[in-house]
């Protein structure tokens, strides 16, 4: 007959695999957020550099410059939204990892507790066998 701990081991193994997969998704999402934040920072630097450069003096050159800066601002706004979206995804991935980790830890604790109970039960059984043998043992020479 298999022990309760051994019967639960496949569930613990599955919980561990799920926790590992959730950790992998969390790491990937952290990378995506970092990339989105880096792109946003690069866009902001580009805009600042472009705004600092001097262009032509003609009205059409100034209008073109202003329209280009407005387009850059639109792209920056889109990237801000992308960063926010990636943060939400990161929060979701973090929560999934926490839940998977908690499940793995809980199953591990239950299995450890079952194994400890099984160990104590085996020790009691062995002690009972020893005690029974000692009761049925013949008296040694020299004792009344």
C-alpha atoms as a PDB file:
ATOM      1  CA  UNK A   1       0.000   0.000   0.000  1.00  0.00           C
ATOM      2  CA  UNK A   2       1.409   3.383  -0.930  1.00  0.00           C
ATOM      3  CA  UNK A   3       1.617   6.113   1.647  1.00  0.00           C
ATOM      4  CA  UNK A   4      -0.419   9.282   1.556  1.00  0.00           C
ATOM      5  CA  UNK A   5       2.758  11.260   0.928  1.00  0.00           C
ATOM      6  CA  UNK A   6       3.626   9.101  -2.078  1.00  0.00           C
ATOM      7  CA  UNK A   7       0.098   9.410  -3.454  1.00  0.00           C
ATOM      8  CA  UNK A   8       0.340  13.213  -3.222  1.00  0.00           C
ATOM      9  CA  UNK A   9       3.770  13.401  -4.838  1.00  0.00           C
ATOM     10  CA  UNK A  10       2.456  13.605  -8.449  1.00  0.00           C
ATOM     11  CA  UNK A  11       0.303  16.591  -7.441  1.00  0.00           C
ATOM     12  CA  UNK A  12       3.330  18.213  -5.810  1.00  0.00           C
ATOM     13  CA  UNK A  13       5.398  17.583  -8.936  1.00  0.00           C
ATOM     14  CA  UNK A  14       2.697  19.173 -11.090  1.00  0.00           C
ATOM     15  CA  UNK A  15       2.479  22.144  -8.717  1.00  0.00           C
ATOM     16  CA  UNK A  16       6.250  22.551  -8.993  1.00  0.00           C
ATOM     17  CA  UNK A  17       6.078  22.481 -12.806  1.00  0.00           C
ATOM     18  CA  UNK A  18       3.304  25.080 -12.777  1.00  0.00           C
ATOM     19  CA  UNK A  19       5.281  27.279 -10.411  1.00  0.00           C
ATOM     20  CA  UNK A  20       8.345  27.017 -12.669  1.00  0.00           C
ATOM     21  CA  UNK A  21       6.250  27.910 -15.735  1.00  0.00           C
ATOM     22  CA  UNK A  22       4.725  30.872 -13.896  1.00  0.00           C
ATOM     23  CA  UNK A  23       8.214  32.015 -12.890  1.00  0.00           C
ATOM     24  CA  UNK A  24       9.309  31.808 -16.523  1.00  0.00           C
ATOM     25  CA  UNK A  25       6.304  33.878 -17.640  1.00  0.00           C
ATOM     26  CA  UNK A  26       7.097  36.405 -14.903  1.00  0.00           C
ATOM     27  CA  UNK A  27      10.699  36.733 -16.096  1.00  0.00           C
ATOM     28  CA  UNK A  28       9.566  37.144 -19.701  1.00  0.00           C
ATOM     29  CA  UNK A  29       7.069  39.806 -18.691  1.00  0.00           C
ATOM     30  CA  UNK A  30       9.745  41.664 -16.727  1.00  0.00           C
ATOM     31  CA  UNK A  31      11.877  41.696 -19.870  1.00  0.00           C
ATOM     32  CA  UNK A  32       8.989  42.990 -21.988  1.00  0.00           C
ATOM     33  CA  UNK A  33       8.344  45.793 -19.499  1.00  0.00           C
ATOM     34  CA  UNK A  34      12.029  46.726 -19.401  1.00  0.00           C
ATOM     35  CA  UNK A  35      12.123  46.841 -23.195  1.00  0.00           C
ATOM     36  CA  UNK A  36       8.998  49.020 -23.371  1.00  0.00           C
ATOM     37  CA  UNK A  37      10.425  51.375 -20.737  1.00  0.00           C
ATOM     38  CA  UNK A  38      13.712  51.585 -22.619  1.00  0.00           C
ATOM     39  CA  UNK A  39      11.904  52.420 -25.863  1.00  0.00           C
ATOM     40  CA  UNK A  40       9.941  55.131 -24.068  1.00  0.00           C
ATOM     41  CA  UNK A  41      13.128  56.600 -22.661  1.00  0.00           C
ATOM     42  CA  UNK A  42      14.740  56.581 -26.123  1.00  0.00           C
ATOM     43  CA  UNK A  43      11.727  58.344 -27.640  1.00  0.00           C
ATOM     44  CA  UNK A  44      11.829  61.004 -24.947  1.00  0.00           C
ATOM     45  CA  UNK A  45      15.553  61.553 -25.504  1.00  0.00           C
ATOM     46  CA  UNK A  46      15.016  61.762 -29.256  1.00  0.00           C
ATOM     47  CA  UNK A  47      12.254  64.312 -28.810  1.00  0.00           C
ATOM     48  CA  UNK A  48      14.386  66.405 -26.480  1.00  0.00           C
ATOM     49  CA  UNK A  49      17.347  66.284 -28.867  1.00  0.00           C
ATOM     50  CA  UNK A  50      15.161  67.139 -31.854  1.00  0.00           C
ATOM     51  CA  UNK A  51      13.490  70.004 -30.027  1.00  0.00           C
ATOM     52  CA  UNK A  52      16.916  71.430 -29.131  1.00  0.00           C
ATOM     53  CA  UNK A  53      18.222  71.475 -32.711  1.00  0.00           C
ATOM     54  CA  UNK A  54      17.753  74.573 -34.808  1.00  0.00           C
ATOM     55  CA  UNK A  55      15.974  74.117 -38.109  1.00  0.00           C
ATOM     56  CA  UNK A  56      15.181  76.367 -41.011  1.00  0.00           C
ATOM     57  CA  UNK A  57      13.665  79.791 -40.536  1.00  0.00           C
ATOM     58  CA  UNK A  58      10.926  79.562 -43.110  1.00  0.00           C
ATOM     59  CA  UNK A  59       7.315  79.200 -42.056  1.00  0.00           C
ATOM     60  CA  UNK A  60       6.941  75.856 -43.809  1.00  0.00           C
ATOM     61  CA  UNK A  61      10.079  74.542 -42.095  1.00  0.00           C
ATOM     62  CA  UNK A  62       8.723  75.622 -38.693  1.00  0.00           C
ATOM     63  CA  UNK A  63       5.330  74.013 -39.444  1.00  0.00           C
ATOM     64  CA  UNK A  64       6.987  70.787 -40.556  1.00  0.00           C
ATOM     65  CA  UNK A  65       9.124  70.800 -37.430  1.00  0.00           C
ATOM     66  CA  UNK A  66       6.103  71.383 -35.187  1.00  0.00           C
ATOM     67  CA  UNK A  67       4.105  68.606 -36.919  1.00  0.00           C
ATOM     68  CA  UNK A  68       7.013  66.232 -36.525  1.00  0.00           C
ATOM     69  CA  UNK A  69       7.301  67.043 -32.804  1.00  0.00           C
ATOM     70  CA  UNK A  70       3.547  66.457 -32.458  1.00  0.00           C
ATOM     71  CA  UNK A  71       3.935  63.045 -34.133  1.00  0.00           C
ATOM     72  CA  UNK A  72       6.757  62.209 -31.776  1.00  0.00           C
ATOM     73  CA  UNK A  73       4.520  63.258 -28.865  1.00  0.00           C
ATOM     74  CA  UNK A  74       1.787  60.947 -30.168  1.00  0.00           C
ATOM     75  CA  UNK A  75       4.231  58.052 -30.384  1.00  0.00           C
ATOM     76  CA  UNK A  76       5.429  58.838 -26.856  1.00  0.00           C
ATOM     77  CA  UNK A  77       1.821  58.799 -25.617  1.00  0.00           C
ATOM     78  CA  UNK A  78       1.286  55.423 -27.296  1.00  0.00           C
ATOM     79  CA  UNK A  79       4.461  54.107 -25.695  1.00  0.00           C
ATOM     80  CA  UNK A  80       3.330  55.378 -22.278  1.00  0.00           C
ATOM     81  CA  UNK A  81       0.153  53.345 -22.780  1.00  0.00           C
ATOM     82  CA  UNK A  82       2.234  50.330 -23.814  1.00  0.00           C
ATOM     83  CA  UNK A  83       4.368  50.627 -20.675  1.00  0.00           C
ATOM     84  CA  UNK A  84       1.205  50.787 -18.560  1.00  0.00           C
ATOM     85  CA  UNK A  85      -0.168  47.714 -20.344  1.00  0.00           C
ATOM     86  CA  UNK A  86       3.072  45.808 -19.792  1.00  0.00           C
ATOM     87  CA  UNK A  87       2.983  46.746 -16.093  1.00  0.00           C
ATOM     88  CA  UNK A  88      -0.530  45.338 -15.794  1.00  0.00           C
ATOM     89  CA  UNK A  89       0.607  42.137 -17.487  1.00  0.00           C
ATOM     90  CA  UNK A  90       3.583  41.988 -15.125  1.00  0.00           C
ATOM     91  CA  UNK A  91       1.295  42.372 -12.113  1.00  0.00           C
ATOM     92  CA  UNK A  92      -0.879  39.541 -13.438  1.00  0.00           C
ATOM     93  CA  UNK A  93       2.136  37.306 -14.032  1.00  0.00           C
ATOM     94  CA  UNK A  94       3.437  38.105 -10.547  1.00  0.00           C
ATOM     95  CA  UNK A  95       0.084  37.178  -8.997  1.00  0.00           C
ATOM     96  CA  UNK A  96      -0.028  33.913 -10.949  1.00  0.00           C
ATOM     97  CA  UNK A  97       3.472  33.065  -9.767  1.00  0.00           C
ATOM     98  CA  UNK A  98       2.576  33.859  -6.151  1.00  0.00           C
ATOM     99  CA  UNK A  99      -0.477  31.602  -6.333  1.00  0.00           C
ATOM    100  CA  UNK A 100       1.476  28.778  -7.965  1.00  0.00           C
ATOM    101  CA  UNK A 101       4.277  29.168  -5.420  1.00  0.00           C
ATOM    102  CA  UNK A 102       1.793  29.107  -2.523  1.00  0.00           C
ATOM    103  CA  UNK A 103       0.180  25.918  -3.890  1.00  0.00           C
ATOM    104  CA  UNK A 104       3.563  24.260  -4.265  1.00  0.00           C
ATOM    105  CA  UNK A 105       4.561  25.236  -0.734  1.00  0.00           C
ATOM    106  CA  UNK A 106       1.247  24.051   0.714  1.00  0.00           C
ATOM    107  CA  UNK A 107       1.490  20.647  -0.958  1.00  0.00           C
ATOM    108  CA  UNK A 108       5.107  20.354   0.157  1.00  0.00           C
ATOM    109  CA  UNK A 109       4.097  21.082   3.743  1.00  0.00           C
ATOM    110  CA  UNK A 110       1.307  18.501   3.653  1.00  0.00           C
ATOM    111  CA  UNK A 111       3.650  15.865   2.214  1.00  0.00           C
ATOM    112  CA  UNK A 112       6.292  16.672   4.831  1.00  0.00           C
ATOM    113  CA  UNK A 113       3.694  16.369   7.590  1.00  0.00           C
ATOM    114  CA  UNK A 114       2.464  13.028   6.219  1.00  0.00           C
ATOM    115  CA  UNK A 115       6.023  11.713   5.989  1.00  0.00           C
ATOM    116  CA  UNK A 116       6.695  12.759   9.565  1.00  0.00           C
ATOM    117  CA  UNK A 117       3.512  11.022  10.729  1.00  0.00           C
ATOM    118  CA  UNK A 118       4.503   7.904   8.778  1.00  0.00           C
ATOM    119  CA  UNK A 119       7.988   7.972  10.304  1.00  0.00           C
ATOM    120  CA  UNK A 120       6.590   8.279  13.839  1.00  0.00           C
ATOM    121  CA  UNK A 121       4.087   5.510  13.161  1.00  0.00           C
ATOM    122  CA  UNK A 122       6.884   3.230  11.938  1.00  0.00           C
ATOM    123  CA  UNK A 123       8.966   4.036  15.022  1.00  0.00           C
ATOM    124  CA  UNK A 124       6.018   3.165  17.303  1.00  0.00           C
ATOM    125  CA  UNK A 125       5.451  -0.096  15.418  1.00  0.00           C
ATOM    126  CA  UNK A 126       9.124  -1.040  15.724  1.00  0.00           C
ATOM    127  CA  UNK A 127       9.141  -0.176  19.428  1.00  0.00           C
ATOM    128  CA  UNK A 128       6.017  -2.280  19.979  1.00  0.00           C
ATOM    129  CA  UNK A 129       7.734  -5.239  18.265  1.00  0.00           C
ATOM    130  CA  UNK A 130      10.808  -4.809  20.455  1.00  0.00           C
ATOM    131  CA  UNK A 131       8.662  -4.586  23.578  1.00  0.00           C
ATOM    132  CA  UNK A 132       6.744  -7.725  22.597  1.00  0.00           C
ATOM    133  CA  UNK A 133       9.981  -9.638  21.991  1.00  0.00           C
ATOM    134  CA  UNK A 134      11.309  -8.520  25.340  1.00  0.00           C
ATOM    135  CA  UNK A 135       8.168  -9.809  27.112  1.00  0.00           C
ATOM    136  CA  UNK A 136       8.430 -13.252  25.523  1.00  0.00           C
ATOM    137  CA  UNK A 137      12.118 -13.590  26.099  1.00  0.00           C
ATOM    138  CA  UNK A 138      13.190 -16.389  28.400  1.00  0.00           C
ATOM    139  CA  UNK A 139      14.755 -15.358  31.638  1.00  0.00           C
ATOM    140  CA  UNK A 140      18.541 -15.523  31.695  1.00  0.00           C
ATOM    141  CA  UNK A 141      20.553 -17.747  34.045  1.00  0.00           C
ATOM    142  CA  UNK A 142      21.048 -16.518  37.521  1.00  0.00           C
ATOM    143  CA  UNK A 143      17.847 -14.542  37.783  1.00  0.00           C
ATOM    144  CA  UNK A 144      15.037 -15.759  40.018  1.00  0.00           C
END
